[in-house]
C-alpha atoms as a PDB file:
ATOM      1  CA  UNK A   1       0.000   0.000   0.000  1.00  0.00           C
ATOM      2  CA  UNK A   2       2.843   2.395   0.843  1.00  0.00           C
ATOM      3  CA  UNK A   3       4.488   1.844  -2.528  1.00  0.00           C
ATOM      4  CA  UNK A   4       1.174   2.402  -4.299  1.00  0.00           C
ATOM      5  CA  UNK A   5       0.643   5.682  -2.489  1.00  0.00           C
ATOM      6  CA  UNK A   6       4.226   6.851  -3.077  1.00  0.00           C
ATOM      7  CA  UNK A   7       4.108   6.067  -6.789  1.00  0.00           C
ATOM      8  CA  UNK A   8       0.784   7.829  -7.212  1.00  0.00           C
ATOM      9  CA  UNK A   9       1.317  10.830  -4.957  1.00  0.00           C
ATOM     10  CA  UNK A  10       4.854  11.518  -6.175  1.00  0.00           C
ATOM     11  CA  UNK A  11       3.657  11.555  -9.795  1.00  0.00           C
ATOM     12  CA  UNK A  12       6.885   9.858 -10.883  1.00  0.00           C
ATOM     13  CA  UNK A  13       9.199  12.208  -8.980  1.00  0.00           C
ATOM     14  CA  UNK A  14      10.276   9.409  -6.608  1.00  0.00           C
ATOM     15  CA  UNK A  15      11.540   5.997  -7.663  1.00  0.00           C
ATOM     16  CA  UNK A  16       9.848   3.359  -5.535  1.00  0.00           C
ATOM     17  CA  UNK A  17      11.110  -0.130  -4.743  1.00  0.00           C
ATOM     18  CA  UNK A  18       8.942  -2.424  -2.653  1.00  0.00           C
ATOM     19  CA  UNK A  19      10.031  -5.685  -1.064  1.00  0.00           C
ATOM     20  CA  UNK A  20       9.885  -7.579   2.182  1.00  0.00           C
ATOM     21  CA  UNK A  21      12.093  -9.733   4.364  1.00  0.00           C
ATOM     22  CA  UNK A  22       9.431 -12.479   4.379  1.00  0.00           C
ATOM     23  CA  UNK A  23       7.178 -11.720   1.407  1.00  0.00           C
ATOM     24  CA  UNK A  24       3.841 -13.451   1.018  1.00  0.00           C
ATOM     25  CA  UNK A  25       3.135 -15.518  -2.065  1.00  0.00           C
ATOM     26  CA  UNK A  26       0.484 -13.053  -3.268  1.00  0.00           C
ATOM     27  CA  UNK A  27      -0.942  -9.645  -2.435  1.00  0.00           C
ATOM     28  CA  UNK A  28      -3.528  -9.348   0.286  1.00  0.00           C
ATOM     29  CA  UNK A  29      -6.793  -9.067  -1.688  1.00  0.00           C
ATOM     30  CA  UNK A  30      -8.320  -6.873   1.032  1.00  0.00           C
ATOM     31  CA  UNK A  31      -5.394  -4.429   0.736  1.00  0.00           C
ATOM     32  CA  UNK A  32      -5.904  -4.393  -3.036  1.00  0.00           C
ATOM     33  CA  UNK A  33      -9.592  -3.624  -2.499  1.00  0.00           C
ATOM     34  CA  UNK A  34      -8.837  -0.912   0.076  1.00  0.00           C
ATOM     35  CA  UNK A  35      -6.437   0.795  -2.319  1.00  0.00           C
ATOM     36  CA  UNK A  36      -8.940   0.528  -5.193  1.00  0.00           C
ATOM     37  CA  UNK A  37     -11.406   2.441  -3.023  1.00  0.00           C
ATOM     38  CA  UNK A  38      -9.051   5.441  -3.143  1.00  0.00           C
ATOM     39  CA  UNK A  39      -8.373   5.067  -6.864  1.00  0.00           C
ATOM     40  CA  UNK A  40      -5.021   3.264  -6.717  1.00  0.00           C
ATOM     41  CA  UNK A  41      -4.704  -0.058  -8.517  1.00  0.00           C
ATOM     42  CA  UNK A  42      -2.020  -2.295  -7.000  1.00  0.00           C
ATOM     43  CA  UNK A  43      -3.504  -5.564  -8.276  1.00  0.00           C
ATOM     44  CA  UNK A  44      -0.700  -6.161 -10.794  1.00  0.00           C
ATOM     45  CA  UNK A  45       2.026  -5.921  -8.137  1.00  0.00           C
ATOM     46  CA  UNK A  46       3.602  -8.995  -6.592  1.00  0.00           C
ATOM     47  CA  UNK A  47       5.459  -9.540  -3.319  1.00  0.00           C
ATOM     48  CA  UNK A  48       9.243  -9.542  -3.714  1.00  0.00           C
ATOM     49  CA  UNK A  49      12.108 -10.592  -1.481  1.00  0.00           C
ATOM     50  CA  UNK A  50      14.163  -7.672  -0.183  1.00  0.00           C
ATOM     51  CA  UNK A  51      17.591  -7.736  -1.798  1.00  0.00           C
ATOM     52  CA  UNK A  52      20.698  -6.079  -0.403  1.00  0.00           C
ATOM     53  CA  UNK A  53      21.166  -4.289  -3.733  1.00  0.00           C
ATOM     54  CA  UNK A  54      17.771  -2.590  -3.384  1.00  0.00           C
ATOM     55  CA  UNK A  55      18.689  -1.298   0.063  1.00  0.00           C
ATOM     56  CA  UNK A  56      22.076  -0.099  -1.165  1.00  0.00           C
ATOM     57  CA  UNK A  57      20.432   1.752  -4.075  1.00  0.00           C
ATOM     58  CA  UNK A  58      17.890   3.512  -1.858  1.00  0.00           C
ATOM     59  CA  UNK A  59      18.083   6.936  -0.265  1.00  0.00           C
ATOM     60  CA  UNK A  60      15.415   6.094   2.315  1.00  0.00           C
ATOM     61  CA  UNK A  61      14.560   2.607   3.550  1.00  0.00           C
ATOM     62  CA  UNK A  62      11.151   2.151   5.140  1.00  0.00           C
ATOM     63  CA  UNK A  63      10.864  -0.872   7.393  1.00  0.00           C
ATOM     64  CA  UNK A  64       7.730  -2.159   9.046  1.00  0.00           C
ATOM     65  CA  UNK A  65       8.916  -4.117  12.017  1.00  0.00           C
ATOM     66  CA  UNK A  66      11.428  -6.425  10.334  1.00  0.00           C
ATOM     67  CA  UNK A  67      14.098  -5.795  12.980  1.00  0.00           C
ATOM     68  CA  UNK A  68      17.358  -7.660  12.444  1.00  0.00           C
ATOM     69  CA  UNK A  69      16.108  -9.498   9.346  1.00  0.00           C
ATOM     70  CA  UNK A  70      16.352  -6.324   7.235  1.00  0.00           C
ATOM     71  CA  UNK A  71      19.734  -5.495   5.728  1.00  0.00           C
ATOM     72  CA  UNK A  72      21.402  -2.508   7.385  1.00  0.00           C
ATOM     73  CA  UNK A  73      23.940  -0.240   5.751  1.00  0.00           C
ATOM     74  CA  UNK A  74      25.536   2.662   7.627  1.00  0.00           C
ATOM     75  CA  UNK A  75      24.744   6.026   6.094  1.00  0.00           C
ATOM     76  CA  UNK A  76      21.296   5.051   4.825  1.00  0.00           C
ATOM     77  CA  UNK A  77      18.237   6.752   6.242  1.00  0.00           C
ATOM     78  CA  UNK A  78      15.956   4.184   7.871  1.00  0.00           C
ATOM     79  CA  UNK A  79      12.401   4.795   9.024  1.00  0.00           C
ATOM     80  CA  UNK A  80      10.564   2.054  10.902  1.00  0.00           C
ATOM     81  CA  UNK A  81       6.839   2.538  10.463  1.00  0.00           C
ATOM     82  CA  UNK A  82       4.905   0.831  13.251  1.00  0.00           C
ATOM     83  CA  UNK A  83       1.726  -0.338  11.575  1.00  0.00           C
ATOM     84  CA  UNK A  84      -0.777  -3.058  12.262  1.00  0.00           C
ATOM     85  CA  UNK A  85      -0.356  -5.933   9.795  1.00  0.00           C
ATOM     86  CA  UNK A  86      -3.450  -5.980   7.562  1.00  0.00           C
ATOM     87  CA  UNK A  87      -3.072  -9.704   6.798  1.00  0.00           C
ATOM     88  CA  UNK A  88      -6.270 -11.555   7.580  1.00  0.00           C
ATOM     89  CA  UNK A  89      -8.198  -8.430   8.580  1.00  0.00           C
ATOM     90  CA  UNK A  90     -11.560  -7.441   7.135  1.00  0.00           C
ATOM     91  CA  UNK A  91     -11.840  -4.363   4.914  1.00  0.00           C
ATOM     92  CA  UNK A  92     -13.245  -2.175   7.693  1.00  0.00           C
ATOM     93  CA  UNK A  93     -10.076  -2.821   9.733  1.00  0.00           C
ATOM     94  CA  UNK A  94      -7.740  -2.341   6.765  1.00  0.00           C
ATOM     95  CA  UNK A  95      -9.131   1.087   5.849  1.00  0.00           C
ATOM     96  CA  UNK A  96      -7.648   2.861   8.911  1.00  0.00           C
ATOM     97  CA  UNK A  97      -4.272   1.182   8.250  1.00  0.00           C
ATOM     98  CA  UNK A  98      -4.441   2.336   4.630  1.00  0.00           C
ATOM     99  CA  UNK A  99      -5.235   5.870   5.754  1.00  0.00           C
ATOM    100  CA  UNK A 100      -2.382   5.861   8.275  1.00  0.00           C
ATOM    101  CA  UNK A 101      -0.005   4.706   5.546  1.00  0.00           C
ATOM    102  CA  UNK A 102      -1.201   7.508   3.274  1.00  0.00           C
ATOM    103  CA  UNK A 103      -0.497  10.094   5.965  1.00  0.00           C
ATOM    104  CA  UNK A 104       3.001   8.697   6.543  1.00  0.00           C
ATOM    105  CA  UNK A 105       3.729   8.650   2.802  1.00  0.00           C
ATOM    106  CA  UNK A 106       2.478  12.230   2.426  1.00  0.00           C
ATOM    107  CA  UNK A 107       4.769  13.371   5.262  1.00  0.00           C
ATOM    108  CA  UNK A 108       7.792  11.594   3.777  1.00  0.00           C
ATOM    109  CA  UNK A 109       7.026  12.895   0.307  1.00  0.00           C
ATOM    110  CA  UNK A 110       6.844  16.460   1.621  1.00  0.00           C
ATOM    111  CA  UNK A 111      10.313  16.007   3.158  1.00  0.00           C
ATOM    112  CA  UNK A 112      11.780  14.456   0.024  1.00  0.00           C
ATOM    113  CA  UNK A 113      10.434  17.074  -2.377  1.00  0.00           C
ATOM    114  CA  UNK A 114      10.902  20.280  -0.375  1.00  0.00           C
END
């Protein structure tokens, strides 16, 4: 969801890479539905394993509770976003998570583009 918001809200001004330390085999269909409600289609995306090269190529690395399993490189800016995992939750519980993610993305985008 964060990558979908960043791609859309940045209008191509920010390159976005999205991956996880333990990616699922497919996207959460409820997250896809929640994003569709706000006009962002993430249905064609697929979970990817986080590669060291992606971290090394990034200016900002957003983690979501991966702790020691995420690669760490000195000099990189890391932000750990504490969010409830939407896996297995109904749409009405995913919406507030989606909205929290949007707010966090908007704040980061404002910093990056100022």
